Amino acid sequence: MRKCISVLTPCFNEAANVRDCYAAVRALFDGPLRDYDFEHVFCDNASTDDSTKLVHDKFPDVRIVRAGKNLGFAGGNNLGIRAAKGSYVALINNDAAA
């Protein structure tokens, strides 16, 4: 039985970046991680732009969980962890300072 990896991407006003992020994750699972199933979950932290709409409209296989208000980085991550269905969870951190 193939294991599933849940890839969590927290986002807040990331309309300029979400498509590239999805493409990069997809490339990993089409290439070196092709032996694993995956789900890509965008954790929208109450964005005021079209961050997740852009991804969902173009890539309907993406799951999106939305916070009703901005929960901060940790809160957004926790939202995604609770929604994850995979055997393993990988959290993408796009903070350049991290």
PDB file of N, CA and C in Angstrom:
ATOM      1  N   MET A   1       0.840  -1.181   0.000  1.00  0.00           N
ATOM      2  CA  MET A   1       0.000   0.000   0.000  1.00  0.00           C
ATOM      3  C   MET A   1       0.883   1.243   0.000  1.00  0.00           C
ATOM      4  N   ARG A   2       0.607   2.159  -0.909  1.00  0.00           N
ATOM      5  CA  ARG A   2       1.388   3.388  -1.006  1.00  0.00           C
ATOM      6  C   ARG A   2       1.016   4.339   0.122  1.00  0.00           C
ATOM      7  N   LYS A   3       2.017   4.972   0.684  1.00  0.00           N
ATOM      8  CA  LYS A   3       1.800   5.955   1.735  1.00  0.00           C
ATOM      9  C   LYS A   3       1.454   7.295   1.111  1.00  0.00           C
ATOM     10  N   CYS A   4       0.642   8.064   1.802  1.00  0.00           N
ATOM     11  CA  CYS A   4       0.251   9.394   1.351  1.00  0.00           C
ATOM     12  C   CYS A   4       0.956  10.439   2.204  1.00  0.00           C
ATOM     13  N   ILE A   5       1.491  11.447   1.549  1.00  0.00           N
ATOM     14  CA  ILE A   5       2.119  12.567   2.238  1.00  0.00           C
ATOM     15  C   ILE A   5       1.219  13.780   2.074  1.00  0.00           C
ATOM     16  N   SER A   6       0.871  14.405   3.180  1.00  0.00           N
ATOM     17  CA  SER A   6       0.119  15.657   3.155  1.00  0.00           C
ATOM     18  C   SER A   6       1.110  16.804   3.150  1.00  0.00           C
ATOM     19  N   VAL A   7       1.083  17.590   2.099  1.00  0.00           N
ATOM     20  CA  VAL A   7       1.945  18.762   1.994  1.00  0.00           C
ATOM     21  C   VAL A   7       1.102  19.972   2.347  1.00  0.00           C
ATOM     22  N   LEU A   8       1.485  20.658   3.416  1.00  0.00           N
ATOM     23  CA  LEU A   8       0.730  21.809   3.892  1.00  0.00           C
ATOM     24  C   LEU A   8       1.449  23.095   3.517  1.00  0.00           C
ATOM     25  N   THR A   9       0.712  24.000   2.925  1.00  0.00           N
ATOM     26  CA  THR A   9       1.263  25.298   2.564  1.00  0.00           C
ATOM     27  C   THR A   9       0.426  26.385   3.213  1.00  0.00           C
ATOM     28  N   PRO A  10       0.929  26.987   4.301  1.00  0.00           N
ATOM     29  CA  PRO A  10       0.209  28.102   4.883  1.00  0.00           C
ATOM     30  C   PRO A  10       0.347  29.311   3.966  1.00  0.00           C
ATOM     31  N   CYS A  11      -0.716  30.084   3.827  1.00  0.00           N
ATOM     32  CA  CYS A  11      -0.612  31.263   2.974  1.00  0.00           C
ATOM     33  C   CYS A  11      -1.457  32.402   3.516  1.00  0.00           C
ATOM     34  N   PHE A  12      -0.938  33.582   3.333  1.00  0.00           N
ATOM     35  CA  PHE A  12      -1.644  34.825   3.649  1.00  0.00           C
ATOM     36  C   PHE A  12      -1.245  35.836   2.588  1.00  0.00           C
ATOM     37  N   ASN A  13      -2.179  36.165   1.731  1.00  0.00           N
ATOM     38  CA  ASN A  13      -1.944  37.115   0.638  1.00  0.00           C
ATOM     39  C   ASN A  13      -0.749  36.706  -0.217  1.00  0.00           C
ATOM     40  N   GLU A  14      -0.793  35.489  -0.729  1.00  0.00           N
ATOM     41  CA  GLU A  14       0.301  34.924  -1.528  1.00  0.00           C
ATOM     42  C   GLU A  14      -0.097  34.709  -2.989  1.00  0.00           C
ATOM     43  N   ALA A  15      -0.982  35.533  -3.517  1.00  0.00           N
ATOM     44  CA  ALA A  15      -1.456  35.349  -4.891  1.00  0.00           C
ATOM     45  C   ALA A  15      -0.308  35.288  -5.896  1.00  0.00           C
ATOM     46  N   ALA A  16       0.755  36.004  -5.646  1.00  0.00           N
ATOM     47  CA  ALA A  16       1.891  36.023  -6.574  1.00  0.00           C
ATOM     48  C   ALA A  16       2.708  34.730  -6.525  1.00  0.00           C
ATOM     49  N   ASN A  17       2.495  33.898  -5.512  1.00  0.00           N
ATOM     50  CA  ASN A  17       3.365  32.742  -5.304  1.00  0.00           C
ATOM     51  C   ASN A  17       2.695  31.379  -5.342  1.00  0.00           C
ATOM     52  N   VAL A  18       1.392  31.311  -5.177  1.00  0.00           N
ATOM     53  CA  VAL A  18       0.760  30.004  -4.970  1.00  0.00           C
ATOM     54  C   VAL A  18       0.855  29.081  -6.182  1.00  0.00           C
ATOM     55  N   ARG A  19       0.774  29.612  -7.376  1.00  0.00           N
ATOM     56  CA  ARG A  19       0.869  28.743  -8.561  1.00  0.00           C
ATOM     57  C   ARG A  19       2.251  28.098  -8.660  1.00  0.00           C
ATOM     58  N   ASP A  20       3.296  28.892  -8.435  1.00  0.00           N
ATOM     59  CA  ASP A  20       4.659  28.347  -8.483  1.00  0.00           C
ATOM     60  C   ASP A  20       4.878  27.319  -7.383  1.00  0.00           C
ATOM     61  N   CYS A  21       4.310  27.579  -6.218  1.00  0.00           N
ATOM     62  CA  CYS A  21       4.434  26.629  -5.113  1.00  0.00           C
ATOM     63  C   CYS A  21       3.772  25.306  -5.485  1.00  0.00           C
ATOM     64  N   TYR A  22       2.567  25.368  -6.006  1.00  0.00           N
ATOM     65  CA  TYR A  22       1.879  24.149  -6.422  1.00  0.00           C
ATOM     66  C   TYR A  22       2.698  23.399  -7.465  1.00  0.00           C
ATOM     67  N   ALA A  23       3.219  24.119  -8.452  1.00  0.00           N
ATOM     68  CA  ALA A  23       3.993  23.477  -9.517  1.00  0.00           C
ATOM     69  C   ALA A  23       5.246  22.797  -8.965  1.00  0.00           C
ATOM     70  N   ALA A  24       5.896  23.415  -7.995  1.00  0.00           N
ATOM     71  CA  ALA A  24       7.107  22.828  -7.405  1.00  0.00           C
ATOM     72  C   ALA A  24       6.782  21.549  -6.642  1.00  0.00           C
ATOM     73  N   VAL A  25       5.706  21.573  -5.881  1.00  0.00           N
ATOM     74  CA  VAL A  25       5.302  20.374  -5.133  1.00  0.00           C
ATOM     75  C   VAL A  25       4.887  19.276  -6.114  1.00  0.00           C
ATOM     76  N   ARG A  26       4.122  19.644  -7.103  1.00  0.00           N
ATOM     77  CA  ARG A  26       3.675  18.663  -8.102  1.00  0.00           C
ATOM     78  C   ARG A  26       4.869  18.001  -8.791  1.00  0.00           C
ATOM     79  N   ALA A  27       5.885  18.800  -9.118  1.00  0.00           N
ATOM     80  CA  ALA A  27       7.078  18.269  -9.779  1.00  0.00           C
ATOM     81  C   ALA A  27       7.794  17.238  -8.907  1.00  0.00           C
ATOM     82  N   LEU A  28       7.812  17.456  -7.602  1.00  0.00           N
ATOM     83  CA  LEU A  28       8.431  16.475  -6.701  1.00  0.00           C
ATOM     84  C   LEU A  28       7.710  15.135  -6.756  1.00  0.00           C
ATOM     85  N   PHE A  29       6.389  15.193  -6.786  1.00  0.00           N
ATOM     86  CA  PHE A  29       5.616  13.951  -6.765  1.00  0.00           C
ATOM     87  C   PHE A  29       5.458  13.334  -8.150  1.00  0.00           C
ATOM     88  N   ASP A  30       5.766  14.079  -9.180  1.00  0.00           N
ATOM     89  CA  ASP A  30       5.832  13.516 -10.522  1.00  0.00           C
ATOM     90  C   ASP A  30       7.223  12.953 -10.802  1.00  0.00           C
ATOM     91  N   GLY A  31       8.199  13.335  -9.962  1.00  0.00           N
ATOM     92  CA  GLY A  31       9.588  12.918 -10.155  1.00  0.00           C
ATOM     93  C   GLY A  31      10.079  12.051  -9.014  1.00  0.00           C
ATOM     94  N   PRO A  32      10.977  12.604  -8.173  1.00  0.00           N
ATOM     95  CA  PRO A  32      11.648  11.777  -7.160  1.00  0.00           C
ATOM     96  C   PRO A  32      10.719  11.142  -6.118  1.00  0.00           C
ATOM     97  N   LEU A  33       9.559  11.707  -5.889  1.00  0.00           N
ATOM     98  CA  LEU A  33       8.634  11.141  -4.892  1.00  0.00           C
ATOM     99  C   LEU A  33       7.434  10.450  -5.543  1.00  0.00           C
ATOM    100  N   ARG A  34       7.607   9.989  -6.781  1.00  0.00           N
ATOM    101  CA  ARG A  34       6.495   9.406  -7.527  1.00  0.00           C
ATOM    102  C   ARG A  34       5.958   8.109  -6.910  1.00  0.00           C
ATOM    103  N   ASP A  35       6.694   7.519  -5.989  1.00  0.00           N
ATOM    104  CA  ASP A  35       6.216   6.298  -5.340  1.00  0.00           C
ATOM    105  C   ASP A  35       5.250   6.583  -4.188  1.00  0.00           C
ATOM    106  N   TYR A  36       4.981   7.849  -3.944  1.00  0.00           N
ATOM    107  CA  TYR A  36       4.062   8.252  -2.873  1.00  0.00           C
ATOM    108  C   TYR A  36       2.849   8.950  -3.462  1.00  0.00           C
ATOM    109  N   ASP A  37       1.713   8.734  -2.826  1.00  0.00           N
ATOM    110  CA  ASP A  37       0.547   9.554  -3.108  1.00  0.00           C
ATOM    111  C   ASP A  37       0.699  10.829  -2.295  1.00  0.00           C
ATOM    112  N   PHE A  38      -0.007  11.873  -2.701  1.00  0.00           N
ATOM    113  CA  PHE A  38       0.076  13.103  -1.921  1.00  0.00           C
ATOM    114  C   PHE A  38      -1.218  13.893  -2.014  1.00  0.00           C
ATOM    115  N   GLU A  39      -1.381  14.749  -1.060  1.00  0.00           N
ATOM    116  CA  GLU A  39      -2.411  15.772  -1.109  1.00  0.00           C
ATOM    117  C   GLU A  39      -1.705  17.085  -0.812  1.00  0.00           C
ATOM    118  N   HIS A  40      -2.109  18.140  -1.501  1.00  0.00           N
ATOM    119  CA  HIS A  40      -1.535  19.461  -1.251  1.00  0.00           C
ATOM    120  C   HIS A  40      -2.645  20.308  -0.648  1.00  0.00           C
ATOM    121  N   VAL A  41      -2.434  20.719   0.582  1.00  0.00           N
ATOM    122  CA  VAL A  41      -3.434  21.481   1.323  1.00  0.00           C
ATOM    123  C   VAL A  41      -2.901  22.899   1.534  1.00  0.00           C
ATOM    124  N   PHE A  42      -3.589  23.859   0.962  1.00  0.00           N
ATOM    125  CA  PHE A  42      -3.263  25.261   1.214  1.00  0.00           C
ATOM    126  C   PHE A  42      -4.088  25.720   2.409  1.00  0.00           C
ATOM    127  N   CYS A  43      -3.401  26.272   3.398  1.00  0.00           N
ATOM    128  CA  CYS A  43      -4.027  26.731   4.633  1.00  0.00           C
ATOM    129  C   CYS A  43      -4.111  28.250   4.562  1.00  0.00           C
ATOM    130  N   ASP A  44      -5.255  28.749   4.133  1.00  0.00           N
ATOM    131  CA  ASP A  44      -5.434  30.182   3.918  1.00  0.00           C
ATOM    132  C   ASP A  44      -5.777  30.863   5.233  1.00  0.00           C
ATOM    133  N   ASN A  45      -4.914  31.758   5.619  1.00  0.00           N
ATOM    134  CA  ASN A  45      -5.032  32.455   6.899  1.00  0.00           C
ATOM    135  C   ASN A  45      -5.770  33.771   6.725  1.00  0.00           C
ATOM    136  N   ALA A  46      -7.000  33.692   6.176  1.00  0.00           N
ATOM    137  CA  ALA A  46      -7.875  34.855   5.966  1.00  0.00           C
ATOM    138  C   ALA A  46      -7.256  35.873   5.010  1.00  0.00           C
ATOM    139  N   SER A  47      -6.727  35.384   3.893  1.00  0.00           N
ATOM    140  CA  SER A  47      -6.152  36.274   2.884  1.00  0.00           C
ATOM    141  C   SER A  47      -7.204  37.265   2.380  1.00  0.00           C
ATOM    142  N   THR A  48      -6.734  38.437   2.013  1.00  0.00           N
ATOM    143  CA  THR A  48      -7.628  39.446   1.439  1.00  0.00           C
ATOM    144  C   THR A  48      -7.418  39.558  -0.070  1.00  0.00           C
ATOM    145  N   ASP A  49      -6.544  38.737  -0.628  1.00  0.00           N
ATOM    146  CA  ASP A  49      -6.358  38.696  -2.077  1.00  0.00           C
ATOM    147  C   ASP A  49      -6.924  37.377  -2.608  1.00  0.00           C
ATOM    148  N   ASP A  50      -6.603  37.029  -3.824  1.00  0.00           N
ATOM    149  CA  ASP A  50      -7.135  35.809  -4.441  1.00  0.00           C
ATOM    150  C   ASP A  50      -6.204  34.616  -4.295  1.00  0.00           C
ATOM    151  N   SER A  51      -5.437  34.557  -3.218  1.00  0.00           N
ATOM    152  CA  SER A  51      -4.432  33.502  -3.042  1.00  0.00           C
ATOM    153  C   SER A  51      -4.947  32.114  -3.386  1.00  0.00           C
ATOM    154  N   THR A  52      -5.904  31.634  -2.677  1.00  0.00           N
ATOM    155  CA  THR A  52      -6.337  30.252  -2.870  1.00  0.00           C
ATOM    156  C   THR A  52      -7.299  30.099  -4.037  1.00  0.00           C
ATOM    157  N   LYS A  53      -8.019  31.135  -4.386  1.00  0.00           N
ATOM    158  CA  LYS A  53      -8.908  31.052  -5.546  1.00  0.00           C
ATOM    159  C   LYS A  53      -8.090  30.778  -6.799  1.00  0.00           C
ATOM    160  N   LEU A  54      -6.942  31.399  -6.932  1.00  0.00           N
ATOM    161  CA  LEU A  54      -6.094  31.190  -8.101  1.00  0.00           C
ATOM    162  C   LEU A  54      -5.654  29.746  -8.224  1.00  0.00           C
ATOM    163  N   VAL A  55      -5.323  29.127  -7.107  1.00  0.00           N
ATOM    164  CA  VAL A  55      -4.875  27.736  -7.134  1.00  0.00           C
ATOM    165  C   VAL A  55      -6.049  26.810  -7.383  1.00  0.00           C
ATOM    166  N   HIS A  56      -7.133  27.009  -6.680  1.00  0.00           N
ATOM    167  CA  HIS A  56      -8.277  26.110  -6.793  1.00  0.00           C
ATOM    168  C   HIS A  56      -8.883  26.154  -8.186  1.00  0.00           C
ATOM    169  N   ASP A  57      -8.960  27.340  -8.792  1.00  0.00           N
ATOM    170  CA  ASP A  57      -9.531  27.451 -10.135  1.00  0.00           C
ATOM    171  C   ASP A  57      -8.686  26.723 -11.173  1.00  0.00           C
ATOM    172  N   LYS A  58      -7.368  26.753 -11.010  1.00  0.00           N
ATOM    173  CA  LYS A  58      -6.482  26.132 -11.991  1.00  0.00           C
ATOM    174  C   LYS A  58      -6.186  24.665 -11.657  1.00  0.00           C
ATOM    175  N   PHE A  59      -6.145  24.322 -10.382  1.00  0.00           N
ATOM    176  CA  PHE A  59      -5.782  22.972  -9.938  1.00  0.00           C
ATOM    177  C   PHE A  59      -6.847  22.449  -8.977  1.00  0.00           C
ATOM    178  N   PRO A  60      -7.946  21.934  -9.489  1.00  0.00           N
ATOM    179  CA  PRO A  60      -9.046  21.521  -8.614  1.00  0.00           C
ATOM    180  C   PRO A  60      -8.714  20.360  -7.682  1.00  0.00           C
ATOM    181  N   ASP A  61      -7.558  19.697  -7.879  1.00  0.00           N
ATOM    182  CA  ASP A  61      -7.183  18.602  -6.984  1.00  0.00           C
ATOM    183  C   ASP A  61      -6.590  19.098  -5.675  1.00  0.00           C
ATOM    184  N   VAL A  62      -6.350  20.394  -5.573  1.00  0.00           N
ATOM    185  CA  VAL A  62      -5.812  20.992  -4.347  1.00  0.00           C
ATOM    186  C   VAL A  62      -6.925  21.093  -3.315  1.00  0.00           C
ATOM    187  N   ARG A  63      -6.569  20.833  -2.071  1.00  0.00           N
ATOM    188  CA  ARG A  63      -7.516  21.067  -0.971  1.00  0.00           C
ATOM    189  C   ARG A  63      -7.184  22.407  -0.343  1.00  0.00           C
ATOM    190  N   ILE A  64      -8.204  23.112   0.068  1.00  0.00           N
ATOM    191  CA  ILE A  64      -8.012  24.413   0.705  1.00  0.00           C
ATOM    192  C   ILE A  64      -8.797  24.425   2.006  1.00  0.00           C
ATOM    193  N   VAL A  65      -8.120  24.828   3.072  1.00  0.00           N
ATOM    194  CA  VAL A  65      -8.802  25.079   4.334  1.00  0.00           C
ATOM    195  C   VAL A  65      -8.618  26.562   4.623  1.00  0.00           C
ATOM    196  N   ARG A  66      -9.676  27.193   5.050  1.00  0.00           N
ATOM    197  CA  ARG A  66      -9.645  28.638   5.271  1.00  0.00           C
ATOM    198  C   ARG A  66      -9.969  28.959   6.719  1.00  0.00           C
ATOM    199  N   ALA A  67      -9.172  29.835   7.267  1.00  0.00           N
ATOM    200  CA  ALA A  67      -9.455  30.355   8.607  1.00  0.00           C
ATOM    201  C   ALA A  67     -10.419  31.525   8.460  1.00  0.00           C
ATOM    202  N   GLY A  68     -11.330  31.657   9.380  1.00  0.00           N
ATOM    203  CA  GLY A  68     -12.277  32.759   9.354  1.00  0.00           C
ATOM    204  C   GLY A  68     -11.637  34.091   9.696  1.00  0.00           C
ATOM    205  N   LYS A  69     -10.510  34.021  10.370  1.00  0.00           N
ATOM    206  CA  LYS A  69      -9.750  35.225  10.713  1.00  0.00           C
ATOM    207  C   LYS A  69      -8.274  34.846  10.695  1.00  0.00           C
ATOM    208  N   ASN A  70      -7.413  35.821  10.697  1.00  0.00           N
ATOM    209  CA  ASN A  70      -5.976  35.561  10.668  1.00  0.00           C
ATOM    210  C   ASN A  70      -5.558  34.962  12.006  1.00  0.00           C
ATOM    211  N   LEU A  71      -5.095  33.724  11.961  1.00  0.00           N
ATOM    212  CA  LEU A  71      -4.696  33.006  13.166  1.00  0.00           C
ATOM    213  C   LEU A  71      -3.198  33.087  13.423  1.00  0.00           C
ATOM    214  N   GLY A  72      -2.479  33.766  12.551  1.00  0.00           N
ATOM    215  CA  GLY A  72      -1.029  33.814  12.676  1.00  0.00           C
ATOM    216  C   GLY A  72      -0.418  32.554  12.094  1.00  0.00           C
ATOM    217  N   PHE A  73       0.904  32.545  11.990  1.00  0.00           N
ATOM    218  CA  PHE A  73       1.600  31.431  11.341  1.00  0.00           C
ATOM    219  C   PHE A  73       1.297  30.099  12.025  1.00  0.00           C
ATOM    220  N   ALA A  74       1.427  30.039  13.336  1.00  0.00           N
ATOM    221  CA  ALA A  74       1.201  28.780  14.055  1.00  0.00           C
ATOM    222  C   ALA A  74      -0.250  28.333  13.949  1.00  0.00           C
ATOM    223  N   GLY A  75      -1.171  29.253  14.051  1.00  0.00           N
ATOM    224  CA  GLY A  75      -2.584  28.908  13.946  1.00  0.00           C
ATOM    225  C   GLY A  75      -2.943  28.370  12.575  1.00  0.00           C
ATOM    226  N   GLY A  76      -2.374  28.972  11.538  1.00  0.00           N
ATOM    227  CA  GLY A  76      -2.605  28.481  10.184  1.00  0.00           C
ATOM    228  C   GLY A  76      -2.043  27.083   9.991  1.00  0.00           C
ATOM    229  N   ASN A  77      -0.863  26.841  10.554  1.00  0.00           N
ATOM    230  CA  ASN A  77      -0.263  25.507  10.479  1.00  0.00           C
ATOM    231  C   ASN A  77      -1.137  24.484  11.187  1.00  0.00           C
ATOM    232  N   ASN A  78      -1.622  24.817  12.367  1.00  0.00           N
ATOM    233  CA  ASN A  78      -2.474  23.891  13.125  1.00  0.00           C
ATOM    234  C   ASN A  78      -3.753  23.568  12.367  1.00  0.00           C
ATOM    235  N   LEU A  79      -4.306  24.557  11.687  1.00  0.00           N
ATOM    236  CA  LEU A  79      -5.498  24.340  10.870  1.00  0.00           C
ATOM    237  C   LEU A  79      -5.214  23.273   9.803  1.00  0.00           C
ATOM    238  N   GLY A  80      -4.070  23.386   9.151  1.00  0.00           N
ATOM    239  CA  GLY A  80      -3.692  22.423   8.129  1.00  0.00           C
ATOM    240  C   GLY A  80      -3.410  21.045   8.686  1.00  0.00           C
ATOM    241  N   ILE A  81      -2.748  20.983   9.827  1.00  0.00           N
ATOM    242  CA  ILE A  81      -2.445  19.689  10.445  1.00  0.00           C
ATOM    243  C   ILE A  81      -3.733  18.948  10.787  1.00  0.00           C
ATOM    244  N   ARG A  82      -4.711  19.660  11.299  1.00  0.00           N
ATOM    245  CA  ARG A  82      -5.995  19.021  11.625  1.00  0.00           C
ATOM    246  C   ARG A  82      -6.716  18.521  10.367  1.00  0.00           C
ATOM    247  N   ALA A  83      -6.493  19.198   9.238  1.00  0.00           N
ATOM    248  CA  ALA A  83      -7.172  18.823   7.996  1.00  0.00           C
ATOM    249  C   ALA A  83      -6.429  17.732   7.226  1.00  0.00           C
ATOM    250  N   ALA A  84      -5.168  17.502   7.545  1.00  0.00           N
ATOM    251  CA  ALA A  84      -4.339  16.551   6.791  1.00  0.00           C
ATOM    252  C   ALA A  84      -4.880  15.136   6.914  1.00  0.00           C
ATOM    253  N   LYS A  85      -4.825  14.418   5.799  1.00  0.00           N
ATOM    254  CA  LYS A  85      -5.302  13.033   5.773  1.00  0.00           C
ATOM    255  C   LYS A  85      -4.185  12.034   5.520  1.00  0.00           C
ATOM    256  N   GLY A  86      -2.990  12.508   5.230  1.00  0.00           N
ATOM    257  CA  GLY A  86      -1.891  11.623   4.885  1.00  0.00           C
ATOM    258  C   GLY A  86      -1.282  10.916   6.079  1.00  0.00           C
ATOM    259  N   SER A  87      -0.470   9.912   5.783  1.00  0.00           N
ATOM    260  CA  SER A  87       0.273   9.194   6.812  1.00  0.00           C
ATOM    261  C   SER A  87       1.416  10.033   7.358  1.00  0.00           C
ATOM    262  N   TYR A  88       1.905  10.939   6.523  1.00  0.00           N
ATOM    263  CA  TYR A  88       2.994  11.851   6.890  1.00  0.00           C
ATOM    264  C   TYR A  88       2.563  13.261   6.542  1.00  0.00           C
ATOM    265  N   VAL A  89       3.117  14.233   7.263  1.00  0.00           N
ATOM    266  CA  VAL A  89       2.803  15.639   7.016  1.00  0.00           C
ATOM    267  C   VAL A  89       4.099  16.395   6.776  1.00  0.00           C
ATOM    268  N   ALA A  90       4.127  17.169   5.681  1.00  0.00           N
ATOM    269  CA  ALA A  90       5.269  18.024   5.372  1.00  0.00           C
ATOM    270  C   ALA A  90       4.765  19.454   5.314  1.00  0.00           C
ATOM    271  N   LEU A  91       5.359  20.298   6.108  1.00  0.00           N
ATOM    272  CA  LEU A  91       4.956  21.700   6.178  1.00  0.00           C
ATOM    273  C   LEU A  91       5.931  22.554   5.378  1.00  0.00           C
ATOM    274  N   ILE A  92       5.418  23.308   4.441  1.00  0.00           N
ATOM    275  CA  ILE A  92       6.248  24.223   3.658  1.00  0.00           C
ATOM    276  C   ILE A  92       6.307  25.538   4.409  1.00  0.00           C
ATOM    277  N   ASN A  93       7.519  25.997   4.654  1.00  0.00           N
ATOM    278  CA  ASN A  93       7.722  27.288   5.295  1.00  0.00           C
ATOM    279  C   ASN A  93       8.379  28.190   4.280  1.00  0.00           C
ATOM    280  N   ASN A  94       7.647  29.204   3.833  1.00  0.00           N
ATOM    281  CA  ASN A  94       8.205  30.094   2.824  1.00  0.00           C
ATOM    282  C   ASN A  94       8.735  31.391   3.407  1.00  0.00           C
ATOM    283  N   ASP A  95       8.990  31.394   4.698  1.00  0.00           N
ATOM    284  CA  ASP A  95       9.544  32.578   5.344  1.00  0.00           C
ATOM    285  C   ASP A  95      11.050  32.606   5.133  1.00  0.00           C
ATOM    286  N   ALA A  96      11.522  33.608   4.411  1.00  0.00           N
ATOM    287  CA  ALA A  96      12.957  33.690   4.084  1.00  0.00           C
ATOM    288  C   ALA A  96      13.822  33.830   5.324  1.00  0.00           C
ATOM    289  N   ALA A  97      13.256  34.319   6.423  1.00  0.00           N
ATOM    290  CA  ALA A  97      14.027  34.500   7.659  1.00  0.00           C
ATOM    291  C   ALA A  97      14.138  33.222   8.463  1.00  0.00           C
ATOM    292  N   ALA A  98      13.340  32.222   8.129  1.00  0.00           N
ATOM    293  CA  ALA A  98      13.343  30.978   8.921  1.00  0.00           C
ATOM    294  C   ALA A  98      14.549  30.123   8.627  1.00  0.00           C
TER     295      ALA A  98
END
